[in-house]
Amino acid sequence: MNGADARENKGEEDVRPWRVAGVSYLNTRPLVYGFRFHPVHRQMVLTEDYPSRIAKQLINDEVDVGLIPIAIIPELPEAYVISNYCIGAEGPVASVCIFSDVPITEIRQLYLDYQSRSSVRLSRLLLERYWQLQPEFIAAEPGFEDQIQGHTAAVVIGDRALKLRHRHAYIYDLAEAWIQYSGLPFVFAAWIANKPLPEAFIRAFDEATSMGLQPGHLDAVIAAHPFPDFDVRTYFTQHISYSLTANKRKGMLRFLQEIHSTTPVHFLTDTVSV
């Protein structure tokens, strides 16, 4: 009997809630919206942080489920994808970019955002295999965005990237570059568990993650999160692509192959088609 089966055989009052970690970025608001309203909230405790910190929590078994950068999958014994919804892109994502004051061929130093490991791995991969460049990589610390000048550029992600879009002459969108390189969409983060979970919980969790993407609910999410630096509706509907389609799964597995991951990945929900 595995852990999920054992929990299902206990009374509800005897079972500790599943520990779920979400990301505190604007683009995750539709995915976590439903946790306030769906009955699944009684089976879980939600915390939020930035992606790389959540990744450490999942690796260390401090949480059971996380909306994690897919680049950390190689550090898990097995990865269980428990939702049909993700942070993905089928074109320019707008919020994961290299920002520079010079063309990419003239970049000498590149700061790597400390908040997401998928974006760091993706940028390294694309610079080597797509752009065929070898700048000096610098591990970034808070405030590194102010160092972008001259021949020094930076990978910046999330809400901070949206705020930088009018400050620098050159913006290289990493999702767009990946699509040109691979011919496949990119998945930045997915809801991944580090252990088997009960089927009933997975179904309820998947329903909850879809609620904020439904038309009436999406309007509520947008109204609740004004963002002066970028049009939120455009960001949610034209840049972020939330459905974990069959093609996105191919893109996800292609990226894991490119970074030489050997971790088995189990998709525990049916593929969505849109």
Protein backbone atom coordinates (compact mmCIF):
# COMPACT_ATOMS: atom_id res chain seq x y z
CA MET A 1 0.00 0.00 0.00
CA ASN A 2 1.48 3.36 -1.00
CA GLY A 3 1.16 6.61 0.94
CA ALA A 4 -1.79 7.84 -1.12
CA ASP A 5 -3.74 4.60 -0.53
CA ALA A 6 -3.03 4.72 3.19
CA ARG A 7 -4.32 8.25 3.46
CA GLU A 8 -7.51 7.40 1.57
CA ASN A 9 -8.23 4.67 4.12
CA LYS A 10 -8.06 7.08 7.05
CA GLY A 11 -10.90 9.21 8.28
CA GLU A 12 -10.80 12.78 6.99
CA GLU A 13 -10.12 14.16 10.44
CA ASP A 14 -7.01 11.92 10.77
CA VAL A 15 -5.33 13.09 7.57
CA ARG A 16 -3.03 16.11 7.52
CA PRO A 17 -3.72 18.42 4.58
CA TRP A 18 -1.55 18.21 1.51
CA ARG A 19 1.13 20.89 1.49
CA VAL A 20 0.84 22.91 -1.73
CA ALA A 21 3.23 25.69 -2.77
CA GLY A 22 2.21 28.27 -5.37
CA VAL A 23 4.18 31.07 -6.97
CA SER A 24 3.63 34.68 -5.92
CA TYR A 25 3.75 36.13 -9.45
CA LEU A 26 1.00 37.88 -11.37
CA ASN A 27 0.82 35.12 -13.99
CA THR A 28 -0.17 32.49 -11.39
CA ARG A 29 -3.25 34.35 -10.15
CA PRO A 30 -5.66 32.47 -12.45
CA LEU A 31 -4.22 29.13 -11.31
CA VAL A 32 -4.59 29.73 -7.58
CA TYR A 33 -7.89 31.65 -7.75
CA GLY A 34 -10.01 28.48 -7.48
CA PHE A 35 -8.40 27.31 -4.26
CA ARG A 36 -10.50 29.86 -2.36
CA PHE A 37 -13.78 28.49 -3.69
CA HIS A 38 -13.36 24.81 -4.56
CA PRO A 39 -13.91 22.22 -1.80
CA VAL A 40 -10.36 20.96 -2.41
CA HIS A 41 -9.14 23.79 -0.15
CA ARG A 42 -10.21 21.66 2.83
CA GLN A 43 -7.65 19.03 1.82
CA MET A 44 -4.66 21.33 1.40
CA VAL A 45 -2.62 24.17 2.86
CA LEU A 46 -1.36 26.73 0.33
CA THR A 47 1.82 28.75 0.72
CA GLU A 48 3.45 31.03 -1.83
CA ASP A 49 7.00 32.03 -2.70
CA TYR A 50 9.17 32.57 -5.75
CA PRO A 51 9.86 29.56 -8.04
CA SER A 52 13.39 28.53 -7.07
CA ARG A 53 12.52 28.55 -3.36
CA ILE A 54 9.45 26.38 -3.99
CA ALA A 55 11.67 24.03 -5.96
CA LYS A 56 13.92 23.55 -2.92
CA GLN A 57 10.89 22.89 -0.75
CA LEU A 58 9.68 20.14 -3.08
CA ILE A 59 13.13 18.56 -3.36
CA ASN A 60 13.45 18.57 0.45
CA ASP A 61 9.91 17.17 0.89
CA GLU A 62 8.83 20.27 2.79
CA VAL A 63 5.80 20.42 0.45
CA ASP A 64 3.94 17.69 -1.42
CA VAL A 65 3.01 19.69 -4.52
CA GLY A 66 4.55 22.78 -6.07
CA LEU A 67 4.11 24.97 -9.11
CA ILE A 68 7.76 24.44 -9.85
CA PRO A 69 10.24 25.27 -12.60
CA ILE A 70 10.49 22.17 -14.75
CA ALA A 71 14.29 22.45 -14.71
CA ILE A 72 14.35 20.99 -11.19
CA ILE A 73 12.67 17.75 -12.28
CA PRO A 74 16.10 16.03 -12.67
CA GLU A 75 16.58 16.51 -8.91
CA LEU A 76 13.46 14.52 -8.04
CA PRO A 77 13.39 10.70 -7.95
CA GLU A 78 10.07 10.84 -9.85
CA ALA A 79 7.81 13.68 -10.96
CA TYR A 80 4.00 13.48 -10.90
CA VAL A 81 2.26 16.16 -12.98
CA ILE A 82 -1.16 16.53 -11.36
CA SER A 83 -2.85 19.32 -13.31
CA ASN A 84 -3.77 20.11 -16.90
CA TYR A 85 -2.73 23.71 -16.30
CA CYS A 86 0.72 25.26 -16.24
CA ILE A 87 2.71 28.41 -16.89
CA GLY A 88 3.53 27.98 -20.56
CA ALA A 89 3.94 29.89 -23.80
CA GLU A 90 3.18 29.28 -27.45
CA GLY A 91 4.74 32.59 -28.51
CA PRO A 92 6.47 35.51 -26.78
CA VAL A 93 5.85 35.21 -23.03
CA ALA A 94 6.84 38.83 -22.25
CA SER A 95 7.98 38.06 -18.69
CA VAL A 96 11.04 35.82 -19.21
CA CYS A 97 13.59 37.77 -21.19
CA ILE A 98 17.17 38.86 -21.63
CA PHE A 99 17.31 42.63 -21.24
CA SER A 100 20.25 44.48 -22.75
CA ASP A 101 21.43 47.87 -23.95
CA VAL A 102 23.39 46.25 -26.80
CA PRO A 103 22.61 43.50 -29.36
CA ILE A 104 22.92 39.98 -27.98
CA THR A 105 26.12 39.35 -29.94
CA GLU A 106 27.78 42.17 -27.98
CA ILE A 107 26.81 40.97 -24.49
CA ARG A 108 29.88 40.12 -22.44
CA GLN A 109 28.36 39.48 -19.02
CA LEU A 110 24.92 38.09 -18.23
CA TYR A 111 23.26 38.12 -14.82
CA LEU A 112 21.08 35.06 -14.19
CA ASP A 113 17.90 35.67 -12.22
CA TYR A 114 17.99 33.93 -8.83
CA GLN A 115 14.21 33.40 -8.76
CA SER A 116 13.79 30.69 -11.42
CA ARG A 117 15.97 27.80 -12.39
CA SER A 118 14.02 26.91 -15.56
CA SER A 119 14.71 30.33 -17.01
CA VAL A 120 18.40 30.10 -16.12
CA ARG A 121 18.76 26.66 -17.70
CA LEU A 122 16.78 27.79 -20.73
CA SER A 123 18.93 30.88 -21.22
CA ARG A 124 22.16 28.88 -20.95
CA LEU A 125 20.85 26.29 -23.40
CA LEU A 126 19.71 28.87 -25.96
CA LEU A 127 22.90 30.92 -25.75
CA GLU A 128 24.97 27.80 -26.41
CA ARG A 129 22.84 26.00 -29.00
CA TYR A 130 20.64 28.65 -30.62
CA TRP A 131 22.60 31.92 -30.49
CA GLN A 132 25.97 30.10 -30.17
CA LEU A 133 27.38 32.66 -27.77
CA GLN A 134 29.46 32.36 -24.60
CA PRO A 135 29.07 35.38 -22.33
CA GLU A 136 30.29 35.30 -18.75
CA PHE A 137 27.45 34.16 -16.49
CA ILE A 138 26.97 35.89 -13.15
CA ALA A 139 24.79 34.52 -10.35
CA ALA A 140 22.42 37.37 -9.54
CA GLU A 141 21.38 38.71 -6.16
CA PRO A 142 18.44 40.99 -5.30
CA GLY A 143 18.74 44.33 -7.07
CA PHE A 144 20.77 42.97 -9.99
CA GLU A 145 18.39 44.58 -12.49
CA ASP A 146 20.15 47.91 -11.87
CA GLN A 147 23.39 46.43 -13.24
CA ILE A 148 22.04 46.20 -16.80
CA GLN A 149 24.18 48.68 -18.72
CA GLY A 150 26.79 48.73 -21.43
CA HIS A 151 27.79 45.18 -22.35
CA THR A 152 26.24 43.72 -19.18
CA ALA A 153 22.77 42.21 -19.62
CA ALA A 154 20.45 40.10 -17.47
CA VAL A 155 17.86 37.34 -17.55
CA VAL A 156 14.88 38.73 -15.64
CA ILE A 157 11.61 36.93 -14.99
CA GLY A 158 8.13 37.51 -13.65
CA ASP A 159 6.58 40.82 -12.65
CA ARG A 160 9.99 42.53 -12.56
CA ALA A 161 10.49 41.67 -16.24
CA LEU A 162 7.20 43.31 -17.17
CA LYS A 163 8.33 46.49 -15.43
CA LEU A 164 11.59 46.57 -17.42
CA ARG A 165 10.08 46.38 -20.89
CA HIS A 166 10.44 50.10 -21.57
CA ARG A 167 13.87 50.60 -19.99
CA HIS A 168 16.25 48.80 -22.37
CA ALA A 169 16.87 48.88 -26.09
CA TYR A 170 17.02 45.12 -26.64
CA ILE A 171 14.67 42.45 -25.31
CA TYR A 172 15.16 38.78 -26.17
CA ASP A 173 12.11 36.72 -25.24
CA LEU A 174 13.25 33.26 -24.15
CA ALA A 175 9.97 31.52 -24.96
CA GLU A 176 10.03 32.91 -28.48
CA ALA A 177 13.66 31.85 -28.92
CA TRP A 178 12.91 28.32 -27.63
CA ILE A 179 10.06 27.96 -30.14
CA GLN A 180 12.35 29.07 -32.97
CA TYR A 181 15.00 26.61 -31.76
CA SER A 182 12.81 23.56 -31.08
CA GLY A 183 9.54 24.10 -32.97
CA LEU A 184 7.66 23.38 -29.74
CA PRO A 185 5.98 25.49 -27.04
CA PHE A 186 7.67 25.93 -23.68
CA VAL A 187 6.49 25.06 -20.18
CA PHE A 188 8.12 27.20 -17.50
CA ALA A 189 6.35 25.67 -14.50
CA ALA A 190 3.87 22.88 -13.81
CA TRP A 191 2.00 21.57 -10.78
CA ILE A 192 4.25 18.68 -9.76
CA ALA A 193 4.06 16.31 -6.80
CA ASN A 194 7.05 14.46 -5.40
CA LYS A 195 4.97 11.41 -4.46
CA PRO A 196 1.81 9.56 -5.59
CA LEU A 197 -1.39 11.35 -4.51
CA PRO A 198 -4.99 10.05 -4.31
CA GLU A 199 -6.90 10.15 -7.58
CA ALA A 200 -9.82 11.99 -5.97
CA PHE A 201 -7.53 14.75 -4.75
CA ILE A 202 -5.89 15.05 -8.17
CA ARG A 203 -9.29 15.43 -9.87
CA ALA A 204 -10.41 18.08 -7.40
CA PHE A 205 -7.07 19.90 -7.59
CA ASP A 206 -7.22 19.98 -11.39
CA GLU A 207 -10.77 21.38 -11.28
CA ALA A 208 -9.66 24.11 -8.88
CA THR A 209 -6.69 25.15 -11.02
CA SER A 210 -9.00 25.62 -14.02
CA MET A 211 -11.56 27.85 -12.28
CA GLY A 212 -9.67 31.11 -12.65
CA LEU A 213 -9.33 30.58 -16.40
CA GLN A 214 -13.07 30.39 -17.03
CA PRO A 215 -14.40 33.60 -18.65
CA GLY A 216 -16.40 35.04 -15.74
CA HIS A 217 -13.80 34.10 -13.17
CA LEU A 218 -10.92 35.38 -15.30
CA ASP A 219 -12.59 38.80 -15.37
CA ALA A 220 -12.61 38.74 -11.56
CA VAL A 221 -8.94 37.78 -11.42
CA ILE A 222 -7.99 40.61 -13.77
CA ALA A 223 -10.05 43.16 -11.84
CA ALA A 224 -8.44 42.10 -8.56
CA HIS A 225 -4.86 42.47 -9.84
CA PRO A 226 -4.29 45.81 -11.58
CA PHE A 227 -0.77 46.14 -12.95
CA PRO A 228 0.19 49.56 -14.32
CA ASP A 229 3.23 48.36 -16.30
CA PHE A 230 1.49 45.84 -18.57
CA ASP A 231 -2.08 45.11 -19.65
CA VAL A 232 -3.13 42.16 -17.49
CA ARG A 233 -5.78 40.81 -19.87
CA THR A 234 -3.31 40.80 -22.74
CA TYR A 235 -0.71 39.10 -20.55
CA PHE A 236 -3.08 36.34 -19.38
CA THR A 237 -4.71 35.68 -22.76
CA GLN A 238 -2.03 36.39 -25.37
CA HIS A 239 1.31 35.73 -23.66
CA ILE A 240 0.77 33.07 -20.97
CA SER A 241 -0.70 29.83 -22.32
CA TYR A 242 -2.13 27.90 -19.41
CA SER A 243 -3.41 24.62 -20.86
CA LEU A 244 -0.94 21.75 -20.64
CA THR A 245 -1.71 20.45 -24.12
CA ALA A 246 -0.16 17.42 -25.79
CA ASN A 247 2.17 19.75 -27.70
CA LYS A 248 3.28 21.47 -24.49
CA ARG A 249 3.98 18.08 -22.96
CA LYS A 250 6.20 17.34 -25.95
CA GLY A 251 7.96 20.66 -25.44
CA MET A 252 8.41 19.91 -21.75
CA LEU A 253 9.89 16.48 -22.42
CA ARG A 254 12.11 17.89 -25.17
CA PHE A 255 13.56 20.44 -22.74
CA LEU A 256 14.16 17.73 -20.13
CA GLN A 257 15.92 15.66 -22.78
CA GLU A 258 18.07 18.66 -23.72
CA ILE A 259 19.22 19.03 -20.10
CA HIS A 260 19.81 15.27 -19.81
CA SER A 261 17.15 14.50 -17.23
CA THR A 262 16.58 10.83 -16.41
CA THR A 263 13.73 11.39 -13.92
CA PRO A 264 10.51 9.55 -14.88
CA VAL A 265 7.67 12.04 -15.51
CA HIS A 266 4.10 10.82 -14.91
CA PHE A 267 1.23 12.84 -16.37
CA LEU A 268 -1.72 11.96 -14.13
CA THR A 269 -4.47 13.90 -15.90
CA ASP A 270 -5.95 13.59 -19.38
CA THR A 271 -4.53 15.89 -22.03
CA VAL A 272 -6.43 19.09 -22.70
CA SER A 273 -6.84 20.04 -26.33
CA VAL A 274 -6.83 23.85 -26.23
